[in-house]
Amino acid sequence: MTSSQTRHGRWTPLSILAVVAGFIVWWPLGLAALAYVLWAGPIDTLADDGARRLRETFGARSAPKGSGNAAFDAYKAETLRRLEAEQAEFADYLNRLRDARDREEFERFMGERSASDRKV
């Protein structure tokens, strides 16, 4: 018996749903689900294993791979490095523009405030 069987028992809500739905759809499918629950355990473990396998399968595909051409891979790496550097420079430029705008607005506010203090 697996740990999930001792924790939840054989008849989990998903197991019951699978057996009932199997009989509704096609009676041999219901018998197959019933046999699976009785001999192998709850359907939950089957669903968990399937989800884990899908994550492993699609997770491995998302990992970046080389093209097999060393010259192209070097060009690609250099281009990505250059683009990241340009992106960082542009972010610095935008920060300097924001700082200049903030400084200008603050100086304008202080000028208006000192002008209004002089009138009073």
C-alpha atoms as a PDB file:
ATOM      1  CA  MET A   1       0.000   0.000   0.000  1.00  0.00           C
ATOM      2  CA  THR A   2       1.346   3.455  -0.899  1.00  0.00           C
ATOM      3  CA  SER A   3       1.321   6.401   1.457  1.00  0.00           C
ATOM      4  CA  SER A   4      -1.543   8.051  -0.439  1.00  0.00           C
ATOM      5  CA  GLN A   5      -3.671   4.939   0.082  1.00  0.00           C
ATOM      6  CA  THR A   6      -3.097   4.989   3.819  1.00  0.00           C
ATOM      7  CA  ARG A   7      -3.720   8.717   4.027  1.00  0.00           C
ATOM      8  CA  HIS A   8      -6.837   8.958   1.890  1.00  0.00           C
ATOM      9  CA  GLY A   9      -8.085   5.402   1.479  1.00  0.00           C
ATOM     10  CA  ARG A  10      -8.905   3.698  -1.792  1.00  0.00           C
ATOM     11  CA  TRP A  11     -12.186   5.461  -2.440  1.00  0.00           C
ATOM     12  CA  THR A  12     -11.367   9.117  -2.973  1.00  0.00           C
ATOM     13  CA  PRO A  13     -13.885  11.453  -4.630  1.00  0.00           C
ATOM     14  CA  LEU A  14     -11.940  11.239  -7.885  1.00  0.00           C
ATOM     15  CA  SER A  15     -11.995   7.430  -7.768  1.00  0.00           C
ATOM     16  CA  ILE A  16     -15.750   7.343  -7.231  1.00  0.00           C
ATOM     17  CA  LEU A  17     -16.280   9.893 -10.013  1.00  0.00           C
ATOM     18  CA  ALA A  18     -14.086   7.881 -12.397  1.00  0.00           C
ATOM     19  CA  VAL A  19     -15.983   4.647 -11.748  1.00  0.00           C
ATOM     20  CA  VAL A  20     -19.433   6.243 -12.037  1.00  0.00           C
ATOM     21  CA  ALA A  21     -18.483   8.221 -15.150  1.00  0.00           C
ATOM     22  CA  GLY A  22     -16.948   5.093 -16.659  1.00  0.00           C
ATOM     23  CA  PHE A  23     -20.189   3.140 -16.215  1.00  0.00           C
ATOM     24  CA  ILE A  24     -22.206   6.042 -17.633  1.00  0.00           C
ATOM     25  CA  VAL A  25     -20.003   6.413 -20.711  1.00  0.00           C
ATOM     26  CA  TRP A  26     -19.432   2.707 -21.468  1.00  0.00           C
ATOM     27  CA  TRP A  27     -19.791  -0.178 -19.027  1.00  0.00           C
ATOM     28  CA  PRO A  28     -16.408  -1.834 -19.839  1.00  0.00           C
ATOM     29  CA  LEU A  29     -14.727   1.467 -19.030  1.00  0.00           C
ATOM     30  CA  GLY A  30     -16.505   1.500 -15.667  1.00  0.00           C
ATOM     31  CA  LEU A  31     -15.342  -2.052 -14.982  1.00  0.00           C
ATOM     32  CA  ALA A  32     -11.784  -1.061 -15.870  1.00  0.00           C
ATOM     33  CA  ALA A  33     -11.911   1.918 -13.471  1.00  0.00           C
ATOM     34  CA  LEU A  34     -13.397  -0.293 -10.743  1.00  0.00           C
ATOM     35  CA  ALA A  35     -10.678  -2.912 -11.255  1.00  0.00           C
ATOM     36  CA  TYR A  36      -7.977  -0.227 -11.153  1.00  0.00           C
ATOM     37  CA  VAL A  37      -9.297   1.155  -7.867  1.00  0.00           C
ATOM     38  CA  LEU A  38      -9.616  -2.287  -6.292  1.00  0.00           C
ATOM     39  CA  TRP A  39      -6.221  -3.646  -7.327  1.00  0.00           C
ATOM     40  CA  ALA A  40      -3.960  -0.638  -7.943  1.00  0.00           C
ATOM     41  CA  GLY A  41      -5.285   2.024  -5.608  1.00  0.00           C
ATOM     42  CA  PRO A  42      -7.015   5.362  -5.960  1.00  0.00           C
ATOM     43  CA  ILE A  43      -7.250   7.119  -9.313  1.00  0.00           C
ATOM     44  CA  ASP A  44      -5.578  10.137  -7.669  1.00  0.00           C
ATOM     45  CA  THR A  45      -2.169   8.454  -7.862  1.00  0.00           C
ATOM     46  CA  LEU A  46      -2.693   7.794 -11.568  1.00  0.00           C
ATOM     47  CA  ALA A  47      -3.605  11.448 -12.120  1.00  0.00           C
ATOM     48  CA  ASP A  48      -0.615  12.640 -10.053  1.00  0.00           C
ATOM     49  CA  ASP A  49       1.766  10.404 -12.005  1.00  0.00           C
ATOM     50  CA  GLY A  50       0.354  11.624 -15.321  1.00  0.00           C
ATOM     51  CA  ALA A  51       0.695  15.259 -14.293  1.00  0.00           C
ATOM     52  CA  ARG A  52       4.284  14.675 -13.119  1.00  0.00           C
ATOM     53  CA  ARG A  53       5.188  13.008 -16.424  1.00  0.00           C
ATOM     54  CA  LEU A  54       3.683  15.890 -18.392  1.00  0.00           C
ATOM     55  CA  ARG A  55       5.657  18.429 -16.351  1.00  0.00           C
ATOM     56  CA  GLU A  56       8.867  16.480 -16.918  1.00  0.00           C
ATOM     57  CA  THR A  57       8.202  16.099 -20.638  1.00  0.00           C
ATOM     58  CA  PHE A  58       7.323  19.699 -21.349  1.00  0.00           C
ATOM     59  CA  GLY A  59       9.815  21.089 -18.838  1.00  0.00           C
ATOM     60  CA  ALA A  60      12.672  19.363 -20.656  1.00  0.00           C
ATOM     61  CA  ARG A  61      11.579  20.871 -23.973  1.00  0.00           C
ATOM     62  CA  SER A  62      11.646  24.399 -22.642  1.00  0.00           C
ATOM     63  CA  ALA A  63      15.332  24.173 -21.730  1.00  0.00           C
ATOM     64  CA  PRO A  64      17.463  26.093 -24.240  1.00  0.00           C
ATOM     65  CA  LYS A  65      19.557  23.902 -26.481  1.00  0.00           C
ATOM     66  CA  GLY A  66      22.428  24.700 -28.790  1.00  0.00           C
ATOM     67  CA  SER A  67      21.887  24.684 -32.525  1.00  0.00           C
ATOM     68  CA  GLY A  68      24.812  22.356 -33.166  1.00  0.00           C
ATOM     69  CA  ASN A  69      26.671  25.090 -35.037  1.00  0.00           C
ATOM     70  CA  ALA A  70      29.372  26.604 -32.832  1.00  0.00           C
ATOM     71  CA  ALA A  71      29.723  29.771 -34.925  1.00  0.00           C
ATOM     72  CA  PHE A  72      25.997  30.481 -34.791  1.00  0.00           C
ATOM     73  CA  ASP A  73      25.845  29.744 -31.066  1.00  0.00           C
ATOM     74  CA  ALA A  74      28.717  32.192 -30.462  1.00  0.00           C
ATOM     75  CA  TYR A  75      27.005  34.848 -32.621  1.00  0.00           C
ATOM     76  CA  LYS A  76      23.723  34.299 -30.782  1.00  0.00           C
ATOM     77  CA  ALA A  77      25.396  34.569 -27.363  1.00  0.00           C
ATOM     78  CA  GLU A  78      27.224  37.762 -28.382  1.00  0.00           C
ATOM     79  CA  THR A  79      24.055  39.318 -29.809  1.00  0.00           C
ATOM     80  CA  LEU A  80      22.070  38.490 -26.660  1.00  0.00           C
ATOM     81  CA  ARG A  81      24.836  39.933 -24.486  1.00  0.00           C
ATOM     82  CA  ARG A  82      24.890  43.124 -26.595  1.00  0.00           C
ATOM     83  CA  LEU A  83      21.104  43.471 -26.439  1.00  0.00           C
ATOM     84  CA  GLU A  84      21.119  43.028 -22.655  1.00  0.00           C
ATOM     85  CA  ALA A  85      23.789  45.729 -22.370  1.00  0.00           C
ATOM     86  CA  GLU A  86      21.745  48.088 -24.585  1.00  0.00           C
ATOM     87  CA  GLN A  87      18.651  47.361 -22.515  1.00  0.00           C
ATOM     88  CA  ALA A  88      20.530  48.235 -19.319  1.00  0.00           C
ATOM     89  CA  GLU A  89      21.843  51.480 -20.894  1.00  0.00           C
ATOM     90  CA  PHE A  90      18.323  52.424 -22.000  1.00  0.00           C
ATOM     91  CA  ALA A  91      16.954  51.772 -18.508  1.00  0.00           C
ATOM     92  CA  ASP A  92      19.684  54.041 -17.072  1.00  0.00           C
ATOM     93  CA  TYR A  93      18.786  56.725 -19.633  1.00  0.00           C
ATOM     94  CA  LEU A  94      15.112  56.556 -18.664  1.00  0.00           C
ATOM     95  CA  ASN A  95      16.046  56.829 -14.976  1.00  0.00           C
ATOM     96  CA  ARG A  96      18.134  59.943 -15.713  1.00  0.00           C
ATOM     97  CA  LEU A  97      15.207  61.472 -17.639  1.00  0.00           C
ATOM     98  CA  ARG A  98      12.832  60.775 -14.736  1.00  0.00           C
ATOM     99  CA  ASP A  99      15.290  62.269 -12.254  1.00  0.00           C
ATOM    100  CA  ALA A 100      15.688  65.393 -14.410  1.00  0.00           C
ATOM    101  CA  ARG A 101      11.909  65.772 -14.753  1.00  0.00           C
ATOM    102  CA  ASP A 102      11.424  65.319 -11.006  1.00  0.00           C
ATOM    103  CA  ARG A 103      14.171  67.854 -10.271  1.00  0.00           C
ATOM    104  CA  GLU A 104      12.603  70.361 -12.687  1.00  0.00           C
ATOM    105  CA  GLU A 105       9.133  69.925 -11.156  1.00  0.00           C
ATOM    106  CA  PHE A 106      10.536  70.316  -7.654  1.00  0.00           C
ATOM    107  CA  GLU A 107      12.443  73.477  -8.589  1.00  0.00           C
ATOM    108  CA  ARG A 108       9.309  74.898 -10.258  1.00  0.00           C
ATOM    109  CA  PHE A 109       7.280  74.091  -7.122  1.00  0.00           C
ATOM    110  CA  MET A 110       9.854  75.730  -4.867  1.00  0.00           C
ATOM    111  CA  GLY A 111       9.967  78.774  -7.158  1.00  0.00           C
ATOM    112  CA  GLU A 112       6.189  79.119  -7.117  1.00  0.00           C
ATOM    113  CA  ARG A 113       6.150  78.637  -3.366  1.00  0.00           C
ATOM    114  CA  SER A 114       8.795  81.295  -2.739  1.00  0.00           C
ATOM    115  CA  ALA A 115       6.969  83.679  -5.134  1.00  0.00           C
ATOM    116  CA  SER A 116       3.706  83.160  -3.240  1.00  0.00           C
ATOM    117  CA  ASP A 117       5.517  83.697   0.098  1.00  0.00           C
ATOM    118  CA  ARG A 118       6.839  87.024  -1.167  1.00  0.00           C
ATOM    119  CA  LYS A 119       3.336  88.214  -2.131  1.00  0.00           C
ATOM    120  CA  VAL A 120       1.906  87.482   1.286  1.00  0.00           C
END
